[in-house]
Amino acid sequence: QGLIGWWMVRSGLNDKERFGGEGRVSPYRLAAHLSMAFILYTALFNTAIGLSTAHKVANMSPSARLYAQALIEKVPASLRIGSVGLASLVGLTAFSGAFVAGNHAGMVYDEFPTMGGKLLPDDIVNPFLEPKWRNIFEHDTMVQWNHRVLAMTTLGAVTSMYLASLRLPLPSNARVASHLMMAMSTVQVSLGISTLLLHVPVPLASAHQMGSLTLLTLSLWFAHTLRPLAPVSVASAARTAATATSGRTSAALLLAAGGASTAATKFFGESDPDVQSANDDEKELERS
């Protein structure tokens, strides 16, 4: 990452004459530097949250682990896969933002939602830029249009994921992550539009960049909360079964199926020690 940073800065020093003495780094090298930073951050964040979750699960009682596993298994595979895709989409949108910054594309068409009064501007392709694919990365109009489309697609994807999650019995940490992700995506789009309309003031543009990292963090966290826990060992399950009476085993099955402490309370009463333990286990799961 340090070498990529040096490689990026060097491109700006070499091209000063082209821009009237103003140093401009290569958009490609800027995007490479930003992408590597996001990749490193993602690896560190996933490692940290994985270790934290493993520690919490290891310290759970067997019944709490059974309850947690049963709850997470109710999450549809489509939502779990979609959460990973959503985090990737957030990263791709941030990647396109690097080309906006590198090409100073925020300085053109300071209006929203149209560009020159149209959704698809007339000069979206520069006919003098060859080969044509370079327009995607080097022509300021197309670069800004691409970032707009990706940003609104991301907002739509987050909204769809959020609405879908409201209908599911998610763990409490997944519920919090989905709320924060929805709120941050709205804030991030608002920051981007404001940056454009105000002709890219540096403090607002910096806040927009920080917002992209915050949204990526929340999307990674949301995806992590939907991952299955490691299965409870046979020995642990056997110890749990051995310490329960036949009546209490029925309540434990209700607990694993998601009925949890409510069913156990009705079965034994609030004062029963095993019911109190189940309630404590559920509270421990909520905190984790």
Protein backbone atom coordinates (compact mmCIF):
# COMPACT_ATOMS: atom_id res chain seq x y z
CA GLN A 1 0.00 0.00 0.00
CA GLY A 2 2.88 2.36 0.72
CA LEU A 3 4.43 1.64 -2.67
CA ILE A 4 1.10 2.19 -4.42
CA GLY A 5 0.80 5.53 -2.62
CA TRP A 6 4.25 6.58 -3.82
CA TRP A 7 3.41 5.38 -7.35
CA MET A 8 0.22 7.46 -7.26
CA VAL A 9 1.87 10.66 -6.02
CA ARG A 10 4.65 10.34 -8.58
CA SER A 11 2.09 10.50 -11.39
CA GLY A 12 0.92 13.89 -10.10
CA LEU A 13 4.45 15.28 -9.96
CA ASN A 14 5.15 14.14 -13.52
CA ASP A 15 1.99 15.72 -14.98
CA LYS A 16 2.21 19.22 -13.49
CA GLU A 17 2.92 20.81 -16.85
CA ARG A 18 -0.28 19.35 -18.36
CA PHE A 19 -2.51 21.10 -15.81
CA GLY A 20 -0.90 24.53 -15.57
CA GLY A 21 1.37 23.71 -12.63
CA GLU A 22 -1.34 21.93 -10.64
CA GLY A 23 -0.43 18.39 -9.67
CA ARG A 24 -3.07 15.81 -10.60
CA VAL A 25 -2.52 12.17 -9.88
CA SER A 26 -3.57 9.45 -12.29
CA PRO A 27 -7.20 8.40 -11.69
CA TYR A 28 -6.18 4.78 -12.21
CA ARG A 29 -3.48 4.96 -9.55
CA LEU A 30 -5.78 6.84 -7.18
CA ALA A 31 -8.41 4.13 -7.60
CA ALA A 32 -5.79 1.43 -7.01
CA HIS A 33 -4.61 3.17 -3.83
CA LEU A 34 -8.16 3.60 -2.50
CA SER A 35 -9.12 0.02 -3.40
CA MET A 36 -6.11 -1.41 -1.59
CA ALA A 37 -6.95 0.68 1.47
CA PHE A 38 -10.53 -0.64 1.47
CA ILE A 39 -9.34 -4.23 0.95
CA LEU A 40 -6.93 -3.96 3.90
CA TYR A 41 -9.62 -2.38 6.05
CA THR A 42 -12.13 -5.10 5.12
CA ALA A 43 -9.64 -7.84 6.02
CA LEU A 44 -8.84 -6.23 9.37
CA PHE A 45 -12.48 -5.61 10.22
CA ASN A 46 -13.58 -9.14 9.32
CA THR A 47 -10.72 -10.60 11.35
CA ALA A 48 -11.53 -8.46 14.38
CA ILE A 49 -15.27 -9.09 14.37
CA GLY A 50 -14.71 -12.80 13.71
CA LEU A 51 -12.42 -13.13 16.72
CA SER A 52 -14.83 -11.13 18.87
CA THR A 53 -17.78 -13.32 17.89
CA ALA A 54 -15.80 -16.54 18.42
CA HIS A 55 -14.86 -15.38 21.92
CA LYS A 56 -18.45 -14.55 22.81
CA VAL A 57 -19.79 -17.85 21.43
CA ALA A 58 -17.13 -19.83 23.30
CA ASN A 59 -18.29 -18.26 26.56
CA MET A 60 -21.98 -18.93 25.95
CA SER A 61 -23.74 -21.71 27.79
CA PRO A 62 -24.83 -24.69 25.61
CA SER A 63 -28.49 -23.64 25.71
CA ALA A 64 -27.63 -20.10 24.59
CA ARG A 65 -25.63 -21.48 21.67
CA LEU A 66 -28.53 -23.72 20.69
CA TYR A 67 -30.91 -20.76 20.78
CA ALA A 68 -28.54 -18.58 18.74
CA GLN A 69 -28.01 -21.27 16.13
CA ALA A 70 -31.75 -21.91 15.81
CA LEU A 71 -32.44 -18.21 15.31
CA ILE A 72 -29.74 -17.72 12.67
CA GLU A 73 -30.80 -20.85 10.78
CA LYS A 74 -34.16 -19.17 10.15
CA VAL A 75 -32.43 -16.52 8.01
CA PRO A 76 -33.05 -17.33 4.32
CA ALA A 77 -29.98 -18.15 2.24
CA SER A 78 -31.03 -15.44 -0.21
CA LEU A 79 -30.73 -12.76 2.47
CA ARG A 80 -27.37 -14.10 3.62
CA ILE A 81 -25.98 -14.15 0.07
CA GLY A 82 -27.58 -10.80 -0.70
CA SER A 83 -25.86 -9.18 2.27
CA VAL A 84 -22.46 -10.18 0.88
CA GLY A 85 -23.44 -8.86 -2.54
CA LEU A 86 -24.59 -5.61 -0.95
CA ALA A 87 -21.24 -5.09 0.77
CA SER A 88 -19.54 -5.70 -2.59
CA LEU A 89 -21.81 -3.14 -4.26
CA VAL A 90 -20.90 -0.55 -1.61
CA GLY A 91 -17.22 -1.22 -2.32
CA LEU A 92 -17.75 -0.91 -6.09
CA THR A 93 -19.53 2.43 -5.65
CA ALA A 94 -16.65 3.72 -3.54
CA PHE A 95 -14.24 2.51 -6.24
CA SER A 96 -16.12 4.54 -8.85
CA GLY A 97 -15.89 7.54 -6.53
CA ALA A 98 -12.10 7.39 -6.82
CA PHE A 99 -12.42 8.08 -10.56
CA VAL A 100 -14.76 10.99 -9.81
CA ALA A 101 -12.08 12.49 -7.57
CA GLY A 102 -9.23 11.67 -9.94
CA ASN A 103 -10.93 13.24 -12.95
CA HIS A 104 -12.43 16.19 -11.00
CA ALA A 105 -15.73 14.92 -12.38
CA GLY A 106 -17.67 16.54 -9.56
CA MET A 107 -17.01 19.91 -11.16
CA VAL A 108 -19.28 19.20 -14.14
CA TYR A 109 -23.08 19.15 -14.05
CA ASP A 110 -23.61 20.51 -10.54
CA GLU A 111 -27.30 19.56 -10.61
CA PHE A 112 -29.41 16.59 -9.58
CA PRO A 113 -31.07 14.34 -10.67
CA THR A 114 -30.59 15.48 -14.27
CA MET A 115 -27.38 16.32 -16.12
CA GLY A 116 -27.86 19.20 -18.53
CA GLY A 117 -31.61 18.81 -18.16
CA LYS A 118 -31.51 15.12 -19.15
CA LEU A 119 -31.08 11.85 -17.34
CA LEU A 120 -28.57 10.81 -20.02
CA PRO A 121 -26.47 13.83 -21.06
CA ASP A 122 -25.63 14.48 -24.71
CA ASP A 123 -21.87 14.48 -24.11
CA ILE A 124 -21.73 11.26 -22.12
CA VAL A 125 -19.22 9.90 -24.67
CA ASN A 126 -16.18 11.85 -25.82
CA PRO A 127 -15.80 11.01 -29.54
CA PHE A 128 -12.12 11.98 -29.51
CA LEU A 129 -11.15 9.55 -26.74
CA GLU A 130 -9.84 6.28 -28.13
CA PRO A 131 -10.40 3.46 -27.48
CA LYS A 132 -13.99 4.12 -26.42
CA TRP A 133 -13.77 2.14 -23.18
CA ARG A 134 -11.52 4.87 -21.77
CA ASN A 135 -14.65 7.05 -21.45
CA ILE A 136 -15.71 4.89 -18.49
CA PHE A 137 -12.62 5.86 -16.52
CA GLU A 138 -11.38 9.14 -18.03
CA HIS A 139 -14.28 11.18 -19.44
CA ASP A 140 -15.60 13.35 -16.60
CA THR A 141 -19.25 13.28 -17.75
CA MET A 142 -19.46 9.50 -17.99
CA VAL A 143 -17.47 9.07 -14.78
CA GLN A 144 -19.95 11.22 -12.86
CA TRP A 145 -22.94 9.50 -14.51
CA ASN A 146 -21.56 6.07 -13.59
CA HIS A 147 -21.12 7.11 -9.96
CA ARG A 148 -24.66 8.50 -9.81
CA VAL A 149 -26.14 5.27 -11.15
CA LEU A 150 -24.11 3.10 -8.77
CA ALA A 151 -25.00 5.32 -5.81
CA MET A 152 -28.74 5.17 -6.48
CA THR A 153 -28.50 1.43 -7.15
CA THR A 154 -26.80 0.98 -3.79
CA LEU A 155 -29.49 3.02 -2.05
CA GLY A 156 -32.19 0.90 -3.71
CA ALA A 157 -30.42 -2.33 -2.76
CA VAL A 158 -30.01 -1.26 0.87
CA THR A 159 -33.67 -0.24 1.03
CA SER A 160 -34.80 -3.57 -0.42
CA MET A 161 -32.58 -5.49 2.00
CA TYR A 162 -33.88 -3.44 4.91
CA LEU A 163 -37.54 -3.98 4.02
CA ALA A 164 -36.95 -7.71 3.58
CA SER A 165 -35.21 -7.92 6.97
CA LEU A 166 -38.17 -6.30 8.73
CA ARG A 167 -40.30 -9.36 7.97
CA LEU A 168 -37.80 -11.81 9.47
CA PRO A 169 -36.99 -12.79 13.10
CA LEU A 170 -33.39 -11.62 12.98
CA PRO A 171 -30.96 -11.61 15.92
CA SER A 172 -30.87 -8.27 17.71
CA ASN A 173 -27.39 -7.35 16.43
CA ALA A 174 -28.50 -7.97 12.84
CA ARG A 175 -31.57 -5.82 13.45
CA VAL A 176 -29.42 -2.95 14.76
CA ALA A 177 -27.00 -3.31 11.85
CA SER A 178 -29.84 -3.15 9.31
CA HIS A 179 -31.29 0.00 10.91
CA LEU A 180 -27.91 1.74 10.95
CA MET A 181 -27.12 0.64 7.38
CA MET A 182 -30.41 2.08 6.10
CA ALA A 183 -29.84 5.36 7.94
CA MET A 184 -26.23 5.69 6.79
CA SER A 185 -27.05 4.98 3.15
CA THR A 186 -29.57 7.84 3.23
CA VAL A 187 -27.01 10.14 4.86
CA GLN A 188 -24.35 9.12 2.32
CA VAL A 189 -26.55 9.85 -0.70
CA SER A 190 -27.51 13.20 0.85
CA LEU A 191 -23.84 14.05 1.34
CA GLY A 192 -23.06 13.14 -2.26
CA ILE A 193 -25.88 15.25 -3.69
CA SER A 194 -24.96 18.20 -1.44
CA THR A 195 -21.30 17.94 -2.47
CA LEU A 196 -22.34 18.09 -6.12
CA LEU A 197 -24.82 20.98 -5.78
CA LEU A 198 -22.35 23.09 -3.75
CA HIS A 199 -19.58 22.55 -6.30
CA VAL A 200 -17.45 20.17 -4.22
CA PRO A 201 -16.40 22.00 -1.04
CA VAL A 202 -13.48 20.06 0.46
CA PRO A 203 -14.97 19.50 3.97
CA LEU A 204 -18.20 18.12 2.48
CA ALA A 205 -16.31 15.97 -0.03
CA SER A 206 -14.18 14.57 2.81
CA ALA A 207 -17.32 13.78 4.82
CA HIS A 208 -18.70 11.99 1.76
CA GLN A 209 -15.54 9.88 1.55
CA MET A 210 -15.74 9.01 5.24
CA GLY A 211 -19.40 8.14 4.75
CA SER A 212 -18.46 5.52 2.17
CA LEU A 213 -16.16 3.80 4.67
CA THR A 214 -18.83 3.98 7.38
CA LEU A 215 -21.43 2.44 5.07
CA LEU A 216 -18.98 -0.30 4.07
CA THR A 217 -18.35 -1.05 7.76
CA LEU A 218 -22.07 -1.36 8.50
CA SER A 219 -22.69 -3.57 5.46
CA LEU A 220 -19.83 -5.87 6.49
CA TRP A 221 -21.19 -6.04 10.03
CA PHE A 222 -24.69 -6.83 8.76
CA ALA A 223 -23.33 -9.65 6.58
CA HIS A 224 -21.35 -11.02 9.53
CA THR A 225 -24.38 -11.12 11.84
CA LEU A 226 -26.16 -13.46 9.41
CA ARG A 227 -23.36 -16.02 9.25
CA PRO A 228 -24.09 -19.42 10.88
CA LEU A 229 -22.40 -20.15 14.18
CA ALA A 230 -20.06 -23.10 14.56
CA PRO A 231 -22.18 -26.18 15.41
CA VAL A 232 -22.43 -27.24 19.05
CA SER A 233 -20.25 -30.28 19.72
CA VAL A 234 -21.84 -33.67 20.37
CA ALA A 235 -20.22 -33.86 23.79
CA SER A 236 -21.65 -30.48 24.76
CA ALA A 237 -25.11 -31.45 23.54
CA ALA A 238 -24.89 -34.71 25.49
CA ARG A 239 -23.97 -32.91 28.71
CA THR A 240 -26.91 -30.56 28.20
CA ALA A 241 -29.33 -33.44 27.67
CA ALA A 242 -27.96 -35.36 30.67
CA THR A 243 -28.65 -32.51 33.08
CA ALA A 244 -32.27 -32.04 32.02
CA THR A 245 -35.35 -33.96 33.05
CA SER A 246 -37.78 -35.16 30.43
CA GLY A 247 -40.11 -32.23 31.08
CA ARG A 248 -37.29 -29.72 30.94
CA THR A 249 -36.01 -31.31 27.73
CA SER A 250 -39.35 -30.46 26.09
CA ALA A 251 -38.90 -26.86 27.14
CA ALA A 252 -35.33 -26.88 25.80
CA LEU A 253 -36.65 -28.03 22.41
CA LEU A 254 -39.05 -25.11 22.40
CA LEU A 255 -36.12 -22.88 23.26
CA ALA A 256 -34.05 -24.17 20.32
CA ALA A 257 -36.98 -23.78 17.94
CA GLY A 258 -37.28 -20.09 18.80
CA GLY A 259 -40.05 -20.21 21.41
CA ALA A 260 -37.29 -19.59 23.95
CA SER A 261 -37.92 -18.35 27.44
CA THR A 262 -41.60 -17.43 26.93
CA ALA A 263 -42.58 -21.06 26.46
CA ALA A 264 -40.35 -22.13 29.35
CA THR A 265 -41.89 -19.53 31.64
CA LYS A 266 -45.39 -20.77 30.86
CA PHE A 267 -44.25 -24.36 31.40
CA PHE A 268 -42.49 -24.00 34.77
CA GLY A 269 -43.10 -20.52 36.10
CA GLU A 270 -40.72 -17.59 36.42
CA SER A 271 -39.15 -18.78 39.68
CA ASP A 272 -37.83 -22.08 38.30
CA PRO A 273 -33.96 -22.00 38.22
CA ASP A 274 -33.75 -23.52 34.72
CA VAL A 275 -36.20 -20.96 33.36
CA GLN A 276 -34.17 -18.15 34.91
CA SER A 277 -31.05 -19.64 33.32
CA ALA A 278 -32.76 -19.67 29.91
CA ASN A 279 -33.75 -16.04 30.34
CA ASP A 280 -30.16 -15.16 31.27
CA ASP A 281 -28.90 -17.08 28.22
CA GLU A 282 -31.24 -15.16 25.93
CA LYS A 283 -30.09 -11.84 27.40
CA GLU A 284 -26.49 -12.95 26.89
CA LEU A 285 -27.26 -13.70 23.25
CA GLU A 286 -28.90 -10.28 22.78
CA ARG A 287 -25.76 -8.57 24.13
CA SER A 288 -23.51 -10.58 21.81
